[in-house]
Amino acid sequence: MSEGAAKKEERRKFQAIKGTRDLLPPETALWNRVEQTAHAIFSTFGFGEIRVPIFEPTELFARSIGQDTDVVSKEMYSFADGDETSVSLRPEATASVCRAYIEHGMQSLAQPVKLYYMGPMFRRERPQKGRYRQFYQIGAEVLGGSDAPAIDAEVIEMVMTFFDRLELQGVQLDINSIGCRECRPKYVELLRAELLKVKEKLGADSQRRIETNPLRVLDSKLESEQSIIAKLPHIADHLCEDCATHYAAVKHQLEMRGVIYRENWRLVRGLDYYMRTTFEITAQGLGSQNAVCGGGRYDGLVELLGGPPTKGIGFAIGEDRLILSLQESGKVPAPKGRDVYIAWMGEKARATAIRAAKHLRKAGFSVELPPVEQRFGKALGQADKLGARFALILGDNEVSEGLWTLKTLADGSQTKFTEADLLEHLRKSV
């Protein structure tokens, strides 16, 4: 490499990796509000937070998500650890929560165990609107206990309460039942037989799925296939008696809770451990890919991962998509400026300014304390740029008199206060 090329390489600007991005203020204020709301709402339903590792053994996800799925075969970030063990950045968190439930013997706790999580996930897929390679999820799982329909309904009620508190617009809840190990295989074979009759009219992906996973054909978004799919048999018409009773009870429980839903017979899950209740929530402002939350019952997953037979149900919210929907509907907190900007001049005032900042911050106010002395005109200009509501003016006169000048920047009015009276005035004003 030539010397010029080497210098050019040194000067190269680093940028975030494709499919990742920086979250900056003031946008992060909205992220914090969403996450704080999740903490508040979920705790009222008796859920506790769990924090699981960013990476896990690759086999955990291969077994839970499925070796043949696109997520495992194409999208996971996997690498060899120092001992040549294959580990992967987590593409989702349900498997990790189930692994933790088994590892820590949580089946010995009072059942069911109700857990929630939030944090980054990783999938190497094509970035698009609201979809990134490092993305964020908020989710919850209920493990153990029974498969009582009231549990399913309460989980759905909780996430709908969360969206309601955030004032998310255009929320639509779709539900379905996908049966159990007894009735779903019979439906899958019936679906396969019906699909084989129209195979030549289907696209290549759907033709392949007839053999590998016929349920996935119902997910097709190809316009040419919609009229064909509309005539296929509905799984709700082929549930066993127990599953039909369970599904009817879930709907009744939702109605008792005032949760509005729509039945969607095409809402399915392709993996064997999913059963009975499945649901999806969409929101406005996200285009055709408008799902913001997906969930369902997975009574076989803990057992699949080596644990005891355990009932389970949960959901995952795409936080990036949730944030995008809130932004597009205008539900964004106004940028918050400083409460107080301290404009000080003189060495005597410096010590007083430091003390004032300390006391005001202790009282919960956001305070900007310039590190060096400024002319008052410049200081007030800086306070305005930072969106401060008040400027506390401290000069030699203020320090000597023990009366501090507070300037309201919106209207330019000024009032003198003692230190104690200032604090009381700000508490009433901010």
Protein backbone atom coordinates (compact mmCIF):
# COMPACT_ATOMS: atom_id res chain seq x y z
CA MET A 1 0.00 0.00 0.00
CA SER A 2 1.38 3.41 -0.96
CA GLU A 3 1.96 6.07 1.70
CA GLY A 4 -0.93 8.15 0.31
CA ALA A 5 -3.30 5.21 0.34
CA ALA A 6 -2.25 4.35 3.90
CA LYS A 7 -2.99 7.90 5.08
CA LYS A 8 -6.33 7.85 3.27
CA GLU A 9 -7.18 4.59 5.04
CA GLU A 10 -6.28 6.17 8.40
CA ARG A 11 -8.63 9.07 7.65
CA ARG A 12 -11.50 6.78 6.60
CA LYS A 13 -14.67 7.57 8.50
CA PHE A 14 -16.15 4.68 10.42
CA GLN A 15 -19.86 4.13 10.06
CA ALA A 16 -22.37 1.88 11.79
CA ILE A 17 -22.54 -1.61 10.24
CA LYS A 18 -25.32 -2.12 7.70
CA GLY A 19 -28.56 -2.95 9.45
CA THR A 20 -27.55 -1.26 12.71
CA ARG A 21 -27.91 2.34 13.80
CA ASP A 22 -27.30 4.73 16.65
CA LEU A 23 -30.20 5.84 18.81
CA LEU A 24 -29.70 9.48 19.73
CA PRO A 25 -31.41 12.03 21.95
CA PRO A 26 -34.11 13.27 21.84
CA GLU A 27 -35.39 10.03 20.22
CA THR A 28 -34.05 7.98 23.12
CA ALA A 29 -36.52 9.78 25.39
CA LEU A 30 -39.31 7.95 23.54
CA TRP A 31 -37.48 4.61 23.87
CA ASN A 32 -37.13 5.23 27.60
CA ARG A 33 -40.82 6.09 27.93
CA VAL A 34 -41.83 2.89 26.12
CA GLU A 35 -39.56 0.73 28.29
CA GLN A 36 -40.55 2.45 31.53
CA THR A 37 -44.21 1.90 30.61
CA ALA A 38 -43.49 -1.80 30.03
CA HIS A 39 -41.82 -2.08 33.46
CA ALA A 40 -44.81 -0.36 35.08
CA ILE A 41 -47.60 -2.28 33.32
CA PHE A 42 -46.01 -5.74 33.44
CA SER A 43 -45.26 -5.47 37.14
CA THR A 44 -48.95 -4.76 37.87
CA PHE A 45 -49.73 -8.15 36.29
CA GLY A 46 -47.20 -9.86 38.57
CA PHE A 47 -44.36 -10.28 36.05
CA GLY A 48 -40.70 -10.01 37.07
CA GLU A 49 -37.86 -8.97 34.77
CA ILE A 50 -35.32 -11.53 33.56
CA ARG A 51 -32.07 -10.58 31.80
CA VAL A 52 -30.59 -13.38 29.70
CA PRO A 53 -27.20 -13.45 27.89
CA ILE A 54 -26.73 -11.85 24.49
CA PHE A 55 -25.29 -15.12 23.14
CA GLU A 56 -26.12 -18.77 23.74
CA PRO A 57 -25.05 -22.18 22.40
CA THR A 58 -26.08 -22.36 18.75
CA GLU A 59 -27.78 -25.69 19.44
CA LEU A 60 -30.29 -23.98 21.76
CA PHE A 61 -31.72 -21.97 18.86
CA ALA A 62 -31.33 -24.81 16.33
CA ARG A 63 -33.48 -27.02 18.54
CA SER A 64 -36.05 -24.40 19.54
CA ILE A 65 -36.51 -22.41 16.32
CA GLY A 66 -35.75 -25.32 13.98
CA GLN A 67 -32.59 -26.33 12.10
CA ASP A 68 -34.32 -25.93 8.73
CA THR A 69 -35.73 -22.44 9.33
CA ASP A 70 -34.27 -19.39 7.59
CA VAL A 71 -33.45 -17.88 11.00
CA VAL A 72 -31.11 -20.74 11.94
CA SER A 73 -29.78 -21.69 8.51
CA LYS A 74 -29.24 -18.18 7.08
CA GLU A 75 -29.79 -15.34 9.55
CA MET A 76 -28.03 -16.11 12.84
CA TYR A 77 -24.68 -14.56 13.73
CA SER A 78 -22.78 -17.69 14.79
CA PHE A 79 -19.11 -18.13 15.59
CA ALA A 80 -16.72 -20.57 17.23
CA ASP A 81 -15.85 -19.77 20.83
CA GLY A 82 -12.33 -20.31 22.18
CA ASP A 83 -13.03 -23.99 22.86
CA GLU A 84 -14.50 -24.39 19.34
CA THR A 85 -18.04 -24.50 20.75
CA SER A 86 -20.47 -22.82 18.35
CA VAL A 87 -22.29 -19.88 19.92
CA SER A 88 -24.79 -17.46 18.40
CA LEU A 89 -26.05 -13.98 19.11
CA ARG A 90 -29.65 -14.42 20.19
CA PRO A 91 -32.19 -14.02 17.35
CA GLU A 92 -35.02 -14.09 19.91
CA ALA A 93 -35.33 -14.58 23.67
CA THR A 94 -38.02 -17.20 24.34
CA ALA A 95 -35.54 -20.09 24.06
CA SER A 96 -33.17 -18.33 26.45
CA VAL A 97 -35.94 -17.75 29.00
CA CYS A 98 -36.95 -21.42 28.80
CA ARG A 99 -33.30 -22.47 29.19
CA ALA A 100 -33.04 -20.28 32.29
CA TYR A 101 -36.28 -21.77 33.67
CA ILE A 102 -34.77 -25.26 33.36
CA GLU A 103 -31.23 -24.37 34.48
CA HIS A 104 -32.32 -22.61 37.67
CA GLY A 105 -34.95 -25.16 38.65
CA MET A 106 -37.72 -22.59 38.45
CA GLN A 107 -40.30 -25.37 38.28
CA SER A 108 -39.86 -25.60 42.07
CA LEU A 109 -41.13 -22.01 42.47
CA ALA A 110 -44.79 -21.08 42.84
CA GLN A 111 -46.35 -21.76 39.43
CA PRO A 112 -46.82 -20.25 36.98
CA VAL A 113 -43.58 -18.27 36.72
CA LYS A 114 -44.23 -14.94 34.97
CA LEU A 115 -41.18 -13.28 33.37
CA TYR A 116 -40.58 -10.38 31.00
CA TYR A 117 -37.50 -9.13 29.16
CA MET A 118 -36.30 -6.36 26.88
CA GLY A 119 -33.13 -5.89 24.86
CA PRO A 120 -31.34 -6.33 21.53
CA MET A 121 -31.69 -9.36 19.22
CA PHE A 122 -29.69 -10.14 16.08
CA ARG A 123 -30.61 -11.51 12.66
CA ARG A 124 -28.73 -11.11 9.42
CA GLU A 125 -31.67 -10.30 7.16
CA ARG A 126 -32.30 -7.62 4.56
CA PRO A 127 -32.75 -4.27 6.36
CA GLN A 128 -35.98 -2.43 5.57
CA LYS A 129 -38.38 0.02 7.18
CA GLY A 130 -38.60 -0.81 10.89
CA ARG A 131 -36.44 -3.93 10.48
CA TYR A 132 -32.76 -4.06 11.41
CA ARG A 133 -30.01 -6.61 11.93
CA GLN A 134 -29.68 -5.46 15.51
CA PHE A 135 -33.25 -4.95 16.63
CA TYR A 136 -34.98 -4.69 19.98
CA GLN A 137 -37.73 -6.76 21.55
CA ILE A 138 -39.92 -6.48 24.62
CA GLY A 139 -41.46 -9.80 25.54
CA ALA A 140 -43.03 -11.88 28.29
CA GLU A 141 -43.42 -15.57 29.07
CA VAL A 142 -45.66 -17.51 31.46
CA LEU A 143 -44.13 -20.90 32.29
CA GLY A 144 -45.55 -23.73 34.39
CA GLY A 145 -48.91 -24.15 36.01
CA SER A 146 -51.94 -24.99 33.88
CA ASP A 147 -53.08 -24.17 30.37
CA ALA A 148 -56.21 -22.46 31.70
CA PRO A 149 -57.77 -20.18 29.05
CA ALA A 150 -57.70 -17.33 31.59
CA ILE A 151 -53.88 -17.34 31.43
CA ASP A 152 -53.94 -16.88 27.64
CA ALA A 153 -56.50 -14.08 27.97
CA GLU A 154 -54.59 -12.29 30.71
CA VAL A 155 -51.35 -12.33 28.71
CA ILE A 156 -53.19 -10.78 25.75
CA GLU A 157 -54.95 -8.30 28.05
CA MET A 158 -51.57 -7.23 29.45
CA VAL A 159 -50.01 -6.42 26.09
CA MET A 160 -53.16 -4.62 24.94
CA THR A 161 -53.12 -2.59 28.18
CA PHE A 162 -49.49 -1.69 27.42
CA PHE A 163 -50.35 -0.46 23.92
CA ASP A 164 -53.35 1.44 25.26
CA ARG A 165 -51.18 3.22 27.84
CA LEU A 166 -48.79 4.25 25.04
CA GLU A 167 -51.77 5.50 22.97
CA LEU A 168 -50.66 3.36 20.04
CA GLN A 169 -52.92 4.06 17.06
CA GLY A 170 -54.78 1.61 14.82
CA VAL A 171 -54.24 -1.41 17.07
CA GLN A 172 -55.84 -4.64 15.80
CA LEU A 173 -55.70 -7.97 17.67
CA ASP A 174 -56.05 -11.16 15.61
CA ILE A 175 -56.43 -14.54 17.31
CA ASN A 176 -56.69 -18.17 16.26
CA SER A 177 -56.29 -21.68 17.61
CA ILE A 178 -53.88 -24.05 15.87
CA GLY A 179 -54.96 -27.15 17.76
CA CYS A 180 -52.72 -29.66 19.50
CA ARG A 181 -50.63 -32.76 18.76
CA GLU A 182 -53.83 -34.75 18.38
CA CYS A 183 -55.82 -32.63 15.92
CA ARG A 184 -53.27 -30.43 14.12
CA PRO A 185 -51.48 -33.29 12.24
CA LYS A 186 -54.83 -34.40 10.83
CA TYR A 187 -55.57 -30.86 9.68
CA VAL A 188 -52.07 -30.53 8.15
CA GLU A 189 -52.64 -33.68 6.10
CA LEU A 190 -56.04 -32.40 4.95
CA LEU A 191 -54.44 -29.06 4.05
CA ARG A 192 -51.65 -30.82 2.15
CA ALA A 193 -54.19 -32.87 0.17
CA GLU A 194 -56.15 -29.75 -0.77
CA LEU A 195 -52.98 -27.88 -1.74
CA LEU A 196 -51.84 -30.74 -3.98
CA LYS A 197 -55.06 -30.31 -5.96
CA VAL A 198 -54.10 -26.70 -6.81
CA LYS A 199 -50.31 -27.11 -6.78
CA GLU A 200 -49.84 -25.94 -10.38
CA LYS A 201 -51.52 -22.62 -9.59
CA LEU A 202 -49.15 -21.84 -6.71
CA GLY A 203 -45.77 -20.11 -6.73
CA ALA A 204 -42.47 -21.94 -6.22
CA ASP A 205 -42.23 -21.17 -2.49
CA SER A 206 -45.72 -22.45 -1.76
CA GLN A 207 -45.18 -25.55 -3.90
CA ARG A 208 -42.09 -26.38 -1.85
CA ARG A 209 -43.94 -25.78 1.43
CA ILE A 210 -46.68 -28.28 0.53
CA GLU A 211 -44.19 -31.00 1.45
CA THR A 212 -42.08 -29.26 4.12
CA ASN A 213 -44.66 -27.21 6.06
CA PRO A 214 -48.11 -26.71 4.53
CA LEU A 215 -49.17 -24.30 7.28
CA ARG A 216 -46.66 -21.76 5.96
CA VAL A 217 -48.62 -21.52 2.70
CA LEU A 218 -51.30 -19.69 4.69
CA ASP A 219 -48.74 -16.93 5.37
CA SER A 220 -48.29 -16.24 1.65
CA LYS A 221 -48.58 -12.60 0.62
CA LEU A 222 -48.55 -13.33 -3.15
CA GLU A 223 -51.58 -11.65 -4.68
CA SER A 224 -52.04 -14.48 -7.20
CA GLU A 225 -52.45 -17.02 -4.39
CA GLN A 226 -54.98 -15.20 -2.21
CA SER A 227 -58.15 -16.45 -3.93
CA ILE A 228 -56.82 -20.02 -3.81
CA ILE A 229 -55.92 -19.82 -0.11
CA ALA A 230 -59.33 -18.32 0.73
CA LYS A 231 -60.99 -21.61 -0.28
CA LEU A 232 -58.78 -23.85 1.87
CA PRO A 233 -60.21 -25.57 4.97
CA HIS A 234 -60.07 -23.61 8.25
CA ILE A 235 -58.24 -25.17 11.17
CA ALA A 236 -60.91 -23.97 13.62
CA ASP A 237 -63.35 -26.35 11.90
CA HIS A 238 -61.05 -29.31 12.57
CA LEU A 239 -60.12 -28.87 16.24
CA CYS A 240 -60.55 -31.74 18.65
CA GLU A 241 -63.16 -31.31 21.37
CA ASP A 242 -60.62 -30.20 24.02
CA CYS A 243 -59.03 -27.60 21.73
CA ALA A 244 -62.40 -26.27 20.55
CA THR A 245 -63.52 -25.91 24.17
CA HIS A 246 -60.24 -24.17 25.09
CA TYR A 247 -60.52 -21.75 22.14
CA ALA A 248 -64.13 -20.87 22.98
CA ALA A 249 -63.11 -20.23 26.60
CA VAL A 250 -60.21 -17.96 25.56
CA LYS A 251 -62.61 -15.87 23.46
CA HIS A 252 -65.06 -15.69 26.35
CA GLN A 253 -62.28 -14.64 28.74
CA LEU A 254 -61.20 -11.87 26.34
CA GLU A 255 -64.77 -10.61 26.12
CA MET A 256 -65.03 -10.59 29.94
CA ARG A 257 -61.92 -8.38 30.00
CA GLY A 258 -63.26 -6.00 27.35
CA VAL A 259 -60.53 -6.97 24.86
CA ILE A 260 -61.70 -6.56 21.27
CA TYR A 261 -60.38 -9.21 18.87
CA ARG A 262 -60.80 -10.52 15.35
CA GLU A 263 -60.59 -14.20 14.45
CA ASN A 264 -58.04 -14.87 11.72
CA TRP A 265 -58.01 -18.50 10.54
CA ARG A 266 -54.78 -17.93 8.57
CA LEU A 267 -52.82 -16.98 11.68
CA VAL A 268 -50.63 -20.05 12.30
CA ARG A 269 -47.22 -21.11 13.63
CA GLY A 270 -45.09 -23.62 11.76
CA LEU A 271 -43.17 -25.25 14.61
CA ASP A 272 -44.49 -28.38 16.34
CA TYR A 273 -44.27 -27.12 19.92
CA TYR A 274 -46.73 -24.27 19.25
CA MET A 275 -50.31 -25.20 20.05
CA ARG A 276 -53.77 -23.81 20.63
CA THR A 277 -53.83 -20.01 21.14
CA THR A 278 -51.89 -17.88 18.71
CA PHE A 279 -52.23 -14.12 18.30
CA GLU A 280 -50.82 -11.14 16.41
CA ILE A 281 -51.21 -7.40 16.96
CA THR A 282 -50.84 -4.84 14.18
CA ALA A 283 -50.59 -1.05 14.31
CA GLN A 284 -50.80 1.82 11.85
CA GLY A 285 -47.91 3.53 10.10
CA LEU A 286 -45.91 0.40 9.26
CA GLY A 287 -47.07 -0.32 5.71
CA SER A 288 -47.82 -3.90 4.62
CA GLN A 289 -45.47 -5.36 7.26
CA ASN A 290 -47.57 -3.90 10.07
CA ALA A 291 -47.25 -6.55 12.79
CA VAL A 292 -45.91 -5.09 16.02
CA CYS A 293 -46.42 -8.11 18.33
CA GLY A 294 -46.75 -11.87 17.94
CA GLY A 295 -47.43 -14.52 20.52
CA GLY A 296 -48.93 -17.85 21.36
CA ARG A 297 -48.96 -21.00 23.45
CA TYR A 298 -45.95 -23.35 23.26
CA ASP A 299 -46.59 -26.15 25.72
CA GLY A 300 -43.89 -28.42 24.26
CA LEU A 301 -40.88 -26.08 24.18
CA VAL A 302 -39.43 -26.54 27.67
CA GLU A 303 -39.64 -30.31 27.25
CA LEU A 304 -37.96 -30.05 23.82
CA LEU A 305 -35.05 -28.22 25.49
CA GLY A 306 -34.56 -30.98 28.08
CA GLY A 307 -36.86 -29.78 30.85
CA PRO A 308 -39.96 -31.35 32.37
CA PRO A 309 -43.31 -31.14 30.54
CA THR A 310 -44.26 -27.48 31.08
CA LYS A 311 -47.11 -25.29 29.91
CA GLY A 312 -46.00 -22.04 28.29
CA ILE A 313 -47.36 -18.96 26.55
CA GLY A 314 -45.74 -15.66 25.64
CA PHE A 315 -45.30 -12.84 23.18
CA ALA A 316 -42.61 -10.64 21.67
CA ILE A 317 -43.04 -6.99 20.68
CA GLY A 318 -40.85 -5.51 17.95
CA GLU A 319 -39.76 -2.38 19.78
CA ASP A 320 -38.25 -0.74 16.68
CA ARG A 321 -41.58 -1.09 14.86
CA LEU A 322 -43.51 0.05 17.93
CA ILE A 323 -41.37 3.19 18.15
CA LEU A 324 -41.82 3.84 14.43
CA SER A 325 -45.60 3.56 14.71
CA LEU A 326 -45.65 5.94 17.70
CA GLN A 327 -43.48 8.44 15.81
CA GLU A 328 -45.64 8.33 12.68
CA SER A 329 -48.79 8.91 14.73
CA GLY A 330 -47.20 11.89 16.50
CA LYS A 331 -46.99 10.24 19.95
CA VAL A 332 -43.51 11.61 20.60
CA PRO A 333 -42.50 13.40 23.81
CA ALA A 334 -41.47 17.00 23.19
CA PRO A 335 -37.69 17.45 23.53
CA LYS A 336 -37.02 18.36 27.14
CA GLY A 337 -34.63 21.22 27.71
CA ARG A 338 -32.91 22.06 30.97
CA ASP A 339 -35.00 23.28 33.86
CA VAL A 340 -32.34 25.76 34.97
CA TYR A 341 -29.27 27.27 33.33
CA ILE A 342 -26.92 28.85 35.89
CA ALA A 343 -25.35 32.04 34.50
CA TRP A 344 -22.55 32.98 36.89
CA MET A 345 -19.75 35.59 36.89
CA GLY A 346 -16.91 36.01 39.35
CA GLU A 347 -15.00 33.68 41.68
CA LYS A 348 -17.39 34.23 44.59
CA ALA A 349 -20.30 33.33 42.36
CA ARG A 350 -18.56 30.18 41.09
CA ALA A 351 -18.67 28.48 44.51
CA THR A 352 -22.30 29.54 45.00
CA ALA A 353 -23.20 28.28 41.51
CA ILE A 354 -21.67 24.85 42.24
CA ARG A 355 -23.60 24.63 45.50
CA ALA A 356 -26.83 25.77 43.82
CA ALA A 357 -26.46 23.20 41.03
CA LYS A 358 -25.89 20.44 43.58
CA HIS A 359 -28.99 21.31 45.60
CA LEU A 360 -31.22 21.79 42.56
CA ARG A 361 -30.14 18.45 41.04
CA LYS A 362 -30.73 16.74 44.39
CA ALA A 363 -34.27 18.13 44.26
CA GLY A 364 -34.73 16.53 40.83
CA PHE A 365 -34.23 19.50 38.48
CA SER A 366 -32.11 19.27 35.35
CA VAL A 367 -29.39 21.89 35.62
CA GLU A 368 -26.75 23.15 33.20
CA LEU A 369 -23.71 24.60 34.97
CA PRO A 370 -21.23 26.13 32.50
CA PRO A 371 -17.66 25.07 33.34
CA VAL A 372 -16.17 28.52 32.69
CA GLU A 373 -17.28 32.07 33.36
CA GLN A 374 -19.41 33.64 30.61
CA ARG A 375 -20.73 37.11 29.89
CA PHE A 376 -24.38 37.20 30.83
CA GLY A 377 -25.47 37.88 27.25
CA LYS A 378 -23.63 34.81 25.98
CA ALA A 379 -24.86 32.72 28.90
CA LEU A 380 -28.49 33.63 28.22
CA GLY A 381 -28.04 32.81 24.54
CA GLN A 382 -26.66 29.38 25.45
CA ALA A 383 -29.55 28.82 27.88
CA ASP A 384 -31.99 29.56 25.08
CA LYS A 385 -30.25 27.08 22.72
CA LEU A 386 -30.54 24.36 25.36
CA GLY A 387 -34.24 25.04 25.77
CA ALA A 388 -33.87 26.05 29.41
CA ARG A 389 -37.00 27.36 31.14
CA PHE A 390 -35.14 29.49 33.65
CA ALA A 391 -31.77 31.19 33.97
CA LEU A 392 -30.42 31.54 37.48
CA ILE A 393 -28.24 34.66 37.45
CA LEU A 394 -25.46 34.69 40.01
CA GLY A 395 -23.01 37.58 40.21
CA ASP A 396 -21.18 39.30 43.08
CA ASN A 397 -24.28 41.33 44.02
CA GLU A 398 -26.50 38.23 44.25
CA VAL A 399 -23.94 36.43 46.39
CA SER A 400 -23.46 39.41 48.73
CA GLU A 401 -27.17 40.09 49.16
CA GLY A 402 -28.18 36.40 49.44
CA LEU A 403 -30.86 37.08 46.85
CA TRP A 404 -30.64 35.12 43.61
CA THR A 405 -32.13 36.39 40.36
CA LEU A 406 -34.32 33.94 38.42
CA LYS A 407 -35.13 34.91 34.85
CA THR A 408 -38.08 33.22 33.09
CA LEU A 409 -36.80 32.86 29.55
CA ALA A 410 -40.24 32.58 27.90
CA ASP A 411 -41.26 36.13 28.83
CA GLY A 412 -38.04 37.71 30.13
CA SER A 413 -39.45 38.44 33.60
CA GLN A 414 -37.04 38.43 36.56
CA THR A 415 -37.62 37.86 40.28
CA LYS A 416 -35.25 37.75 43.23
CA PHE A 417 -35.48 34.84 45.69
CA THR A 418 -33.66 33.61 48.76
CA GLU A 419 -32.16 30.18 48.26
CA ALA A 420 -34.98 28.48 50.19
CA ASP A 421 -37.73 30.42 48.42
CA LEU A 422 -36.17 29.70 45.00
CA LEU A 423 -36.43 25.96 45.52
CA GLU A 424 -40.08 26.24 46.55
CA HIS A 425 -40.88 28.46 43.55
CA LEU A 426 -39.27 26.01 41.12
CA ARG A 427 -41.12 23.06 42.61
CA LYS A 428 -44.41 24.84 41.84
CA SER A 429 -43.31 26.02 38.38
CA VAL A 430 -41.59 23.02 36.77
